[in-house]
N, C-alpha and C. Protein backbone atom coordinates (compact mmCIF):
# COMPACT_ATOMS: atom_id res chain seq x y z
N MET A 1 62.02 -172.50 98.54
CA MET A 1 63.25 -172.51 99.31
C MET A 1 64.00 -173.82 99.14
N LYS A 2 63.23 -174.93 99.01
CA LYS A 2 63.87 -176.23 98.80
C LYS A 2 64.58 -176.27 97.45
N ILE A 3 63.97 -175.62 96.47
CA ILE A 3 64.59 -175.58 95.15
C ILE A 3 65.89 -174.79 95.19
N SER A 4 65.92 -173.70 95.93
CA SER A 4 67.14 -172.90 96.06
C SER A 4 68.24 -173.70 96.74
N ALA A 5 67.89 -174.44 97.78
CA ALA A 5 68.89 -175.27 98.47
C ALA A 5 69.39 -176.36 97.55
N LEU A 6 68.50 -176.94 96.75
CA LEU A 6 68.90 -177.97 95.79
C LEU A 6 69.84 -177.39 94.73
N LEU A 7 69.50 -176.20 94.22
CA LEU A 7 70.37 -175.57 93.23
C LEU A 7 71.74 -175.22 93.83
N LEU A 8 71.74 -174.75 95.05
CA LEU A 8 73.00 -174.42 95.71
C LEU A 8 73.86 -175.66 95.90
N SER A 9 73.25 -176.77 96.33
CA SER A 9 74.02 -178.00 96.51
C SER A 9 74.51 -178.54 95.17
N LEU A 10 73.72 -178.39 94.11
CA LEU A 10 74.15 -178.79 92.78
C LEU A 10 75.33 -177.95 92.31
N CYS A 11 75.29 -176.65 92.57
CA CYS A 11 76.41 -175.77 92.19
C CYS A 11 77.68 -176.14 92.95
N LEU A 12 77.55 -176.46 94.22
CA LEU A 12 78.72 -176.88 95.00
C LEU A 12 79.27 -178.21 94.48
N PHE A 13 78.40 -179.11 94.07
CA PHE A 13 78.83 -180.39 93.52
C PHE A 13 79.57 -180.20 92.20
N ILE A 14 79.08 -179.29 91.36
CA ILE A 14 79.70 -179.02 90.06
C ILE A 14 81.07 -178.37 90.24
N SER A 15 81.26 -177.65 91.33
CA SER A 15 82.50 -176.91 91.51
C SER A 15 83.71 -177.81 91.75
N ALA A 16 83.52 -179.10 91.97
CA ALA A 16 84.64 -180.03 92.14
C ALA A 16 85.11 -180.47 90.76
N CYS A 17 85.95 -179.66 90.13
CA CYS A 17 86.42 -179.95 88.78
C CYS A 17 87.91 -179.70 88.68
N ALA A 18 88.50 -180.00 87.52
CA ALA A 18 89.95 -180.04 87.41
C ALA A 18 90.58 -178.81 86.75
N THR A 19 89.90 -178.15 85.85
CA THR A 19 90.55 -177.07 85.11
C THR A 19 90.19 -175.71 85.69
N ASN A 20 91.04 -174.75 85.36
CA ASN A 20 90.80 -173.38 85.84
C ASN A 20 89.52 -172.80 85.25
N GLN A 21 89.26 -173.05 83.98
CA GLN A 21 88.05 -172.51 83.35
C GLN A 21 86.80 -173.05 84.01
N LYS A 22 86.78 -174.34 84.28
CA LYS A 22 85.62 -174.93 84.94
C LYS A 22 85.48 -174.40 86.36
N SER A 23 86.60 -174.20 87.04
CA SER A 23 86.55 -173.66 88.40
C SER A 23 85.97 -172.25 88.41
N ARG A 24 86.38 -171.44 87.44
CA ARG A 24 85.84 -170.07 87.36
C ARG A 24 84.35 -170.09 87.07
N LEU A 25 83.93 -170.94 86.14
CA LEU A 25 82.50 -171.02 85.81
C LEU A 25 81.69 -171.56 86.98
N ALA A 26 82.20 -172.55 87.68
CA ALA A 26 81.48 -173.11 88.82
C ALA A 26 81.38 -172.09 89.94
N ALA A 27 82.46 -171.35 90.20
CA ALA A 27 82.41 -170.32 91.25
C ALA A 27 81.42 -169.23 90.89
N THR A 28 81.36 -168.85 89.62
CA THR A 28 80.40 -167.85 89.18
C THR A 28 78.97 -168.37 89.36
N ALA A 29 78.75 -169.63 89.03
CA ALA A 29 77.41 -170.21 89.19
C ALA A 29 77.02 -170.26 90.67
N VAL A 30 77.97 -170.60 91.53
CA VAL A 30 77.69 -170.62 92.96
C VAL A 30 77.38 -169.20 93.45
N GLY A 31 78.14 -168.22 92.97
CA GLY A 31 77.88 -166.83 93.35
C GLY A 31 76.51 -166.36 92.92
N ILE A 32 76.10 -166.75 91.73
CA ILE A 32 74.77 -166.38 91.25
C ILE A 32 73.69 -167.04 92.12
N GLY A 33 73.91 -168.31 92.44
CA GLY A 33 72.93 -169.01 93.28
C GLY A 33 72.82 -168.41 94.67
N VAL A 34 73.97 -168.13 95.27
CA VAL A 34 73.97 -167.54 96.62
C VAL A 34 73.35 -166.14 96.58
N GLY A 35 73.68 -165.36 95.55
CA GLY A 35 73.11 -164.03 95.42
C GLY A 35 71.61 -164.07 95.26
N GLY A 36 71.12 -165.04 94.50
CA GLY A 36 69.67 -165.18 94.35
C GLY A 36 68.98 -165.52 95.65
N VAL A 37 69.59 -166.40 96.43
CA VAL A 37 69.01 -166.77 97.73
C VAL A 37 69.03 -165.57 98.68
N ILE A 38 70.14 -164.84 98.70
CA ILE A 38 70.22 -163.66 99.57
C ILE A 38 69.19 -162.61 99.16
N GLY A 39 69.08 -162.38 97.86
CA GLY A 39 68.12 -161.38 97.38
C GLY A 39 66.68 -161.74 97.71
N ALA A 40 66.33 -163.00 97.55
CA ALA A 40 64.96 -163.42 97.85
C ALA A 40 64.69 -163.36 99.35
N ALA A 41 65.69 -163.66 100.14
CA ALA A 41 65.48 -163.68 101.60
C ALA A 41 65.42 -162.28 102.19
N THR A 42 66.11 -161.32 101.57
CA THR A 42 66.16 -159.98 102.16
C THR A 42 65.20 -158.99 101.50
N ALA A 43 64.37 -159.46 100.60
CA ALA A 43 63.44 -158.55 99.91
C ALA A 43 62.37 -158.05 100.87
N PRO A 44 62.03 -156.77 100.80
CA PRO A 44 60.93 -156.26 101.62
C PRO A 44 59.60 -156.91 101.21
N GLU A 45 58.65 -156.92 102.11
CA GLU A 45 57.40 -157.63 101.87
C GLU A 45 56.53 -156.96 100.80
N ASN A 46 56.68 -155.65 100.62
CA ASN A 46 55.83 -154.97 99.64
C ASN A 46 56.44 -154.96 98.24
N GLU A 47 57.59 -155.62 98.03
CA GLU A 47 58.22 -155.69 96.71
C GLU A 47 58.34 -157.14 96.26
N ARG A 48 58.59 -157.30 94.96
CA ARG A 48 58.66 -158.64 94.40
C ARG A 48 60.00 -159.30 94.75
N LYS A 49 59.93 -160.50 95.28
CA LYS A 49 61.14 -161.21 95.70
C LYS A 49 61.97 -161.65 94.49
N GLU A 50 61.33 -161.92 93.37
CA GLU A 50 62.06 -162.37 92.18
C GLU A 50 63.02 -161.30 91.67
N LEU A 51 62.55 -160.04 91.69
CA LEU A 51 63.41 -158.96 91.22
C LEU A 51 64.62 -158.78 92.13
N HIS A 52 64.40 -158.83 93.42
CA HIS A 52 65.53 -158.71 94.35
C HIS A 52 66.50 -159.88 94.19
N ALA A 53 65.94 -161.07 93.96
CA ALA A 53 66.79 -162.24 93.75
C ALA A 53 67.65 -162.06 92.50
N MET A 54 67.06 -161.51 91.43
CA MET A 54 67.83 -161.28 90.19
C MET A 54 68.89 -160.22 90.38
N TYR A 55 68.56 -159.13 91.07
CA TYR A 55 69.55 -158.07 91.32
C TYR A 55 70.74 -158.61 92.10
N TRP A 56 70.43 -159.28 93.20
CA TRP A 56 71.50 -159.81 94.04
C TRP A 56 72.28 -160.90 93.31
N ALA A 57 71.62 -161.73 92.54
CA ALA A 57 72.32 -162.78 91.79
C ALA A 57 73.29 -162.15 90.79
N GLY A 58 72.87 -161.10 90.12
CA GLY A 58 73.76 -160.43 89.16
C GLY A 58 74.97 -159.80 89.84
N ILE A 59 74.72 -159.09 90.93
CA ILE A 59 75.81 -158.40 91.62
C ILE A 59 76.80 -159.40 92.22
N VAL A 60 76.29 -160.37 92.97
CA VAL A 60 77.18 -161.36 93.61
C VAL A 60 77.85 -162.22 92.54
N GLY A 61 77.14 -162.54 91.46
CA GLY A 61 77.75 -163.32 90.38
C GLY A 61 78.91 -162.61 89.71
N VAL A 62 78.77 -161.31 89.46
CA VAL A 62 79.86 -160.53 88.84
C VAL A 62 81.05 -160.43 89.79
N VAL A 63 80.77 -160.16 91.06
CA VAL A 63 81.86 -160.08 92.04
C VAL A 63 82.58 -161.42 92.16
N THR A 64 81.83 -162.50 92.17
CA THR A 64 82.42 -163.84 92.25
C THR A 64 83.23 -164.15 90.99
N ALA A 65 82.74 -163.76 89.83
CA ALA A 65 83.47 -164.01 88.59
C ALA A 65 84.80 -163.25 88.58
N ILE A 66 84.79 -162.00 89.03
CA ILE A 66 86.03 -161.22 89.09
C ILE A 66 87.02 -161.85 90.06
N ALA A 67 86.51 -162.25 91.24
CA ALA A 67 87.39 -162.90 92.23
C ALA A 67 87.92 -164.23 91.70
N ALA A 68 87.09 -164.99 91.01
CA ALA A 68 87.52 -166.28 90.47
C ALA A 68 88.57 -166.10 89.39
N ASN A 69 88.42 -165.08 88.54
CA ASN A 69 89.45 -164.82 87.52
C ASN A 69 90.77 -164.41 88.15
N TYR A 70 90.70 -163.71 89.26
CA TYR A 70 91.92 -163.32 89.95
C TYR A 70 92.55 -164.53 90.65
N TYR A 71 91.73 -165.37 91.27
CA TYR A 71 92.25 -166.50 92.05
C TYR A 71 92.75 -167.62 91.15
N TRP A 72 91.99 -167.98 90.12
CA TRP A 72 92.37 -169.07 89.22
C TRP A 72 92.92 -168.52 87.92
N ASN A 73 93.96 -167.71 88.00
CA ASN A 73 94.55 -167.20 86.76
C ASN A 73 95.45 -168.26 86.15
N ASP A 74 95.72 -168.12 84.88
CA ASP A 74 96.49 -169.11 84.14
C ASP A 74 97.97 -168.76 84.06
N GLU A 75 98.42 -167.77 84.83
CA GLU A 75 99.79 -167.31 84.73
C GLU A 75 100.79 -168.41 85.11
N ASN A 76 100.53 -169.15 86.17
CA ASN A 76 101.45 -170.20 86.59
C ASN A 76 101.52 -171.32 85.55
N ASP A 77 100.37 -171.68 84.99
CA ASP A 77 100.35 -172.70 83.96
C ASP A 77 101.12 -172.25 82.73
N LEU A 78 100.98 -170.97 82.37
CA LEU A 78 101.71 -170.46 81.21
C LEU A 78 103.21 -170.47 81.45
N LYS A 79 103.64 -170.16 82.67
CA LYS A 79 105.08 -170.20 82.99
C LYS A 79 105.61 -171.62 82.84
N VAL A 80 104.87 -172.60 83.36
CA VAL A 80 105.30 -173.99 83.26
C VAL A 80 105.36 -174.42 81.80
N MET A 81 104.36 -174.03 81.03
CA MET A 81 104.35 -174.40 79.61
C MET A 81 105.50 -173.73 78.86
N LYS A 82 105.83 -172.49 79.21
CA LYS A 82 106.94 -171.80 78.56
C LYS A 82 108.27 -172.48 78.89
N LEU A 83 108.46 -172.88 80.15
CA LEU A 83 109.67 -173.60 80.53
C LEU A 83 109.78 -174.93 79.79
N GLU A 84 108.67 -175.62 79.69
CA GLU A 84 108.67 -176.88 78.96
C GLU A 84 108.97 -176.66 77.48
N ASN A 85 108.42 -175.59 76.92
CA ASN A 85 108.68 -175.26 75.52
C ASN A 85 110.15 -174.94 75.31
N ASP A 86 110.75 -174.17 76.22
CA ASP A 86 112.18 -173.86 76.11
C ASP A 86 113.03 -175.12 76.21
N LYS A 87 112.65 -176.03 77.09
CA LYS A 87 113.39 -177.28 77.22
C LYS A 87 113.33 -178.09 75.93
N LEU A 88 112.13 -178.16 75.35
CA LEU A 88 111.99 -178.90 74.10
C LEU A 88 112.75 -178.25 72.96
N LYS A 89 112.80 -176.91 72.95
CA LYS A 89 113.58 -176.21 71.92
C LYS A 89 115.06 -176.49 72.07
N SER A 90 115.55 -176.53 73.32
CA SER A 90 116.97 -176.82 73.52
C SER A 90 117.29 -178.27 73.13
N GLU A 91 116.36 -179.19 73.37
CA GLU A 91 116.56 -180.57 72.93
C GLU A 91 116.53 -180.66 71.41
N LEU A 92 115.72 -179.84 70.79
CA LEU A 92 115.68 -179.82 69.33
C LEU A 92 116.99 -179.28 68.77
N GLY A 93 117.67 -178.45 69.55
CA GLY A 93 118.97 -177.93 69.14
C GLY A 93 120.02 -179.00 68.97
N LEU A 94 119.78 -180.19 69.55
CA LEU A 94 120.69 -181.31 69.30
C LEU A 94 120.72 -181.68 67.83
N PHE A 95 119.61 -181.50 67.16
CA PHE A 95 119.48 -181.94 65.78
C PHE A 95 119.62 -180.81 64.77
N GLU A 96 119.34 -179.60 65.20
CA GLU A 96 119.39 -178.45 64.30
C GLU A 96 120.27 -177.36 64.91
N GLY A 97 120.98 -176.65 64.09
CA GLY A 97 121.70 -175.48 64.57
C GLY A 97 120.73 -174.32 64.75
N THR A 98 120.87 -173.57 65.83
CA THR A 98 119.96 -172.45 66.07
C THR A 98 120.71 -171.14 65.93
N PRO A 99 120.04 -170.10 65.47
CA PRO A 99 120.72 -168.82 65.27
C PRO A 99 120.99 -168.11 66.59
N SER A 100 121.87 -167.15 66.55
CA SER A 100 122.18 -166.34 67.72
C SER A 100 121.22 -165.16 67.79
N VAL A 101 120.83 -164.80 69.00
CA VAL A 101 119.92 -163.68 69.23
C VAL A 101 120.65 -162.67 70.10
N LEU A 102 120.65 -161.40 69.68
CA LEU A 102 121.33 -160.36 70.43
C LEU A 102 120.59 -160.08 71.73
N LEU A 103 121.28 -160.32 72.85
CA LEU A 103 120.68 -160.00 74.15
C LEU A 103 120.83 -158.53 74.46
N ARG A 104 122.09 -158.02 74.36
CA ARG A 104 122.30 -156.60 74.62
C ARG A 104 123.67 -156.19 74.13
N PRO A 105 123.80 -154.99 73.61
CA PRO A 105 125.13 -154.45 73.31
C PRO A 105 125.71 -153.81 74.57
N PHE A 106 127.02 -153.89 74.71
CA PHE A 106 127.69 -153.26 75.85
C PHE A 106 127.97 -151.80 75.51
N SER A 107 127.93 -150.96 76.54
CA SER A 107 128.29 -149.57 76.33
C SER A 107 129.81 -149.46 76.21
N GLU A 108 130.27 -148.28 75.81
CA GLU A 108 131.70 -148.09 75.62
C GLU A 108 132.46 -148.24 76.94
N LYS A 109 131.90 -147.74 78.03
CA LYS A 109 132.55 -147.86 79.35
C LYS A 109 132.64 -149.32 79.78
N GLU A 110 131.54 -150.07 79.58
CA GLU A 110 131.57 -151.48 79.96
C GLU A 110 132.58 -152.25 79.12
N SER A 111 132.65 -151.92 77.84
CA SER A 111 133.60 -152.60 76.96
C SER A 111 135.03 -152.33 77.40
N LYS A 112 135.34 -151.08 77.77
CA LYS A 112 136.70 -150.75 78.23
C LYS A 112 137.00 -151.44 79.56
N ARG A 113 136.01 -151.56 80.42
CA ARG A 113 136.23 -152.21 81.72
C ARG A 113 136.50 -153.71 81.55
N ILE A 114 135.79 -154.35 80.63
CA ILE A 114 135.94 -155.80 80.45
C ILE A 114 137.16 -156.11 79.59
N TYR A 115 137.33 -155.41 78.49
CA TYR A 115 138.41 -155.69 77.54
C TYR A 115 139.31 -154.47 77.54
N LYS A 116 140.44 -154.54 78.18
CA LYS A 116 141.25 -153.37 78.48
C LYS A 116 142.27 -153.00 77.40
N LYS A 117 142.43 -153.80 76.37
CA LYS A 117 143.50 -153.55 75.41
C LYS A 117 143.22 -152.37 74.50
N ASP A 118 142.21 -152.45 73.71
CA ASP A 118 141.92 -151.43 72.70
C ASP A 118 140.49 -150.94 72.84
N ASN A 119 140.15 -150.00 71.97
CA ASN A 119 138.79 -149.51 71.89
C ASN A 119 137.98 -150.54 71.08
N VAL A 120 137.04 -151.18 71.75
CA VAL A 120 136.28 -152.25 71.11
C VAL A 120 134.80 -152.03 71.32
N LYS A 121 134.03 -152.71 70.49
CA LYS A 121 132.57 -152.76 70.66
C LYS A 121 132.24 -154.21 70.98
N MET A 122 131.43 -154.40 72.04
CA MET A 122 131.11 -155.76 72.46
C MET A 122 129.59 -155.97 72.42
N ASN A 123 129.21 -157.16 71.98
CA ASN A 123 127.80 -157.56 71.94
C ASN A 123 127.67 -158.94 72.58
N LEU A 124 126.63 -159.11 73.36
CA LEU A 124 126.35 -160.40 73.99
C LEU A 124 125.17 -161.04 73.27
N TYR A 125 125.38 -162.26 72.79
CA TYR A 125 124.35 -162.99 72.05
C TYR A 125 123.90 -164.20 72.85
N LYS A 126 122.63 -164.53 72.72
CA LYS A 126 122.10 -165.75 73.31
C LYS A 126 122.10 -166.83 72.24
N ARG A 127 122.64 -167.97 72.60
CA ARG A 127 122.66 -169.11 71.69
C ARG A 127 122.02 -170.29 72.40
N ASP A 128 121.62 -171.24 71.65
CA ASP A 128 121.08 -172.48 72.21
C ASP A 128 121.49 -173.59 71.26
N GLU A 129 122.70 -174.08 71.45
CA GLU A 129 123.24 -175.03 70.48
C GLU A 129 124.10 -176.07 71.20
N TRP A 130 123.97 -177.31 70.77
CA TRP A 130 124.81 -178.38 71.27
C TRP A 130 125.92 -178.62 70.25
N VAL A 131 127.15 -178.72 70.73
CA VAL A 131 128.31 -178.85 69.86
C VAL A 131 129.00 -180.17 70.16
N ASP A 132 129.39 -180.91 69.10
CA ASP A 132 130.12 -182.17 69.28
C ASP A 132 131.56 -181.89 69.67
N ASP A 133 132.06 -182.67 70.63
CA ASP A 133 133.45 -182.60 71.04
C ASP A 133 133.97 -184.03 71.13
N GLY A 134 134.12 -184.64 70.00
CA GLY A 134 134.53 -186.04 69.96
C GLY A 134 133.31 -186.94 69.85
N PRO A 135 133.55 -188.24 69.76
CA PRO A 135 132.44 -189.17 69.55
C PRO A 135 131.55 -189.38 70.78
N TYR A 136 132.06 -189.09 71.99
CA TYR A 136 131.30 -189.38 73.20
C TYR A 136 131.02 -188.15 74.06
N ARG A 137 131.18 -186.97 73.51
CA ARG A 137 131.01 -185.77 74.33
C ARG A 137 130.31 -184.68 73.52
N LYS A 138 129.39 -184.02 74.17
CA LYS A 138 128.71 -182.84 73.62
C LYS A 138 128.71 -181.78 74.70
N TYR A 139 128.78 -180.53 74.30
CA TYR A 139 128.63 -179.44 75.26
C TYR A 139 127.65 -178.42 74.70
N HIS A 140 127.05 -177.68 75.63
CA HIS A 140 125.99 -176.75 75.28
C HIS A 140 126.53 -175.34 75.27
N GLN A 141 126.28 -174.60 74.19
CA GLN A 141 126.63 -173.18 74.12
C GLN A 141 125.36 -172.37 74.37
N ASP A 142 125.43 -171.47 75.36
CA ASP A 142 124.23 -170.68 75.64
C ASP A 142 124.46 -169.19 75.44
N GLN A 143 125.71 -168.72 75.44
CA GLN A 143 125.98 -167.31 75.20
C GLN A 143 127.23 -167.17 74.35
N MET A 144 127.28 -166.07 73.61
CA MET A 144 128.45 -165.76 72.79
C MET A 144 128.76 -164.28 72.96
N LEU A 145 129.99 -163.97 73.21
CA LEU A 145 130.44 -162.59 73.35
C LEU A 145 131.23 -162.23 72.09
N GLU A 146 130.75 -161.22 71.39
CA GLU A 146 131.42 -160.76 70.16
C GLU A 146 132.23 -159.51 70.49
N ILE A 147 133.51 -159.53 70.14
CA ILE A 147 134.39 -158.39 70.36
C ILE A 147 134.84 -157.89 68.99
N VAL A 148 134.42 -156.65 68.68
CA VAL A 148 134.76 -156.05 67.38
C VAL A 148 135.68 -154.86 67.65
N PRO A 149 136.95 -154.93 67.17
CA PRO A 149 137.86 -153.79 67.39
C PRO A 149 137.40 -152.58 66.56
N LEU A 150 137.48 -151.41 67.17
CA LEU A 150 137.13 -150.17 66.48
C LEU A 150 138.40 -149.50 65.99
N GLU A 151 138.26 -148.72 64.96
CA GLU A 151 139.43 -148.01 64.44
C GLU A 151 139.86 -146.94 65.42
N LYS A 152 141.18 -146.76 65.51
CA LYS A 152 141.70 -145.73 66.42
C LYS A 152 141.46 -144.37 65.82
N LYS A 153 141.12 -143.43 66.68
CA LYS A 153 140.80 -142.07 66.21
C LYS A 153 142.03 -141.22 66.19
């Protein structure tokens, strides 16, 4: 029993870490340790305590691992990294011209509502480019609207 308490305290000590992966592994280790203690303590007297400890350690360890993966997911870190990557790409646009990417084409009704003169086809493009406007001024282009007149029927 003293060894189990020592292992449990060691697992709790290890769980004080900085990364999500280490947190998940430490939580799983704590779950396995707690499951082993529960299994050994609740085993009937006519059965082997080691087997019950292993069963409970496996079950509680798996449940703890699933909960830890849900709790310490990397989604927030990935969002932050993606935003940082986009920022660095836009800063790189100061030095390089970047191509336009089609965001969406407008339908015929939307095109007529926005541009009322003729029958046109409109496309919205995403750009990420810094443009010089004199020696002391730059402005950022982030979208481009293309208006293509269609032939009259």
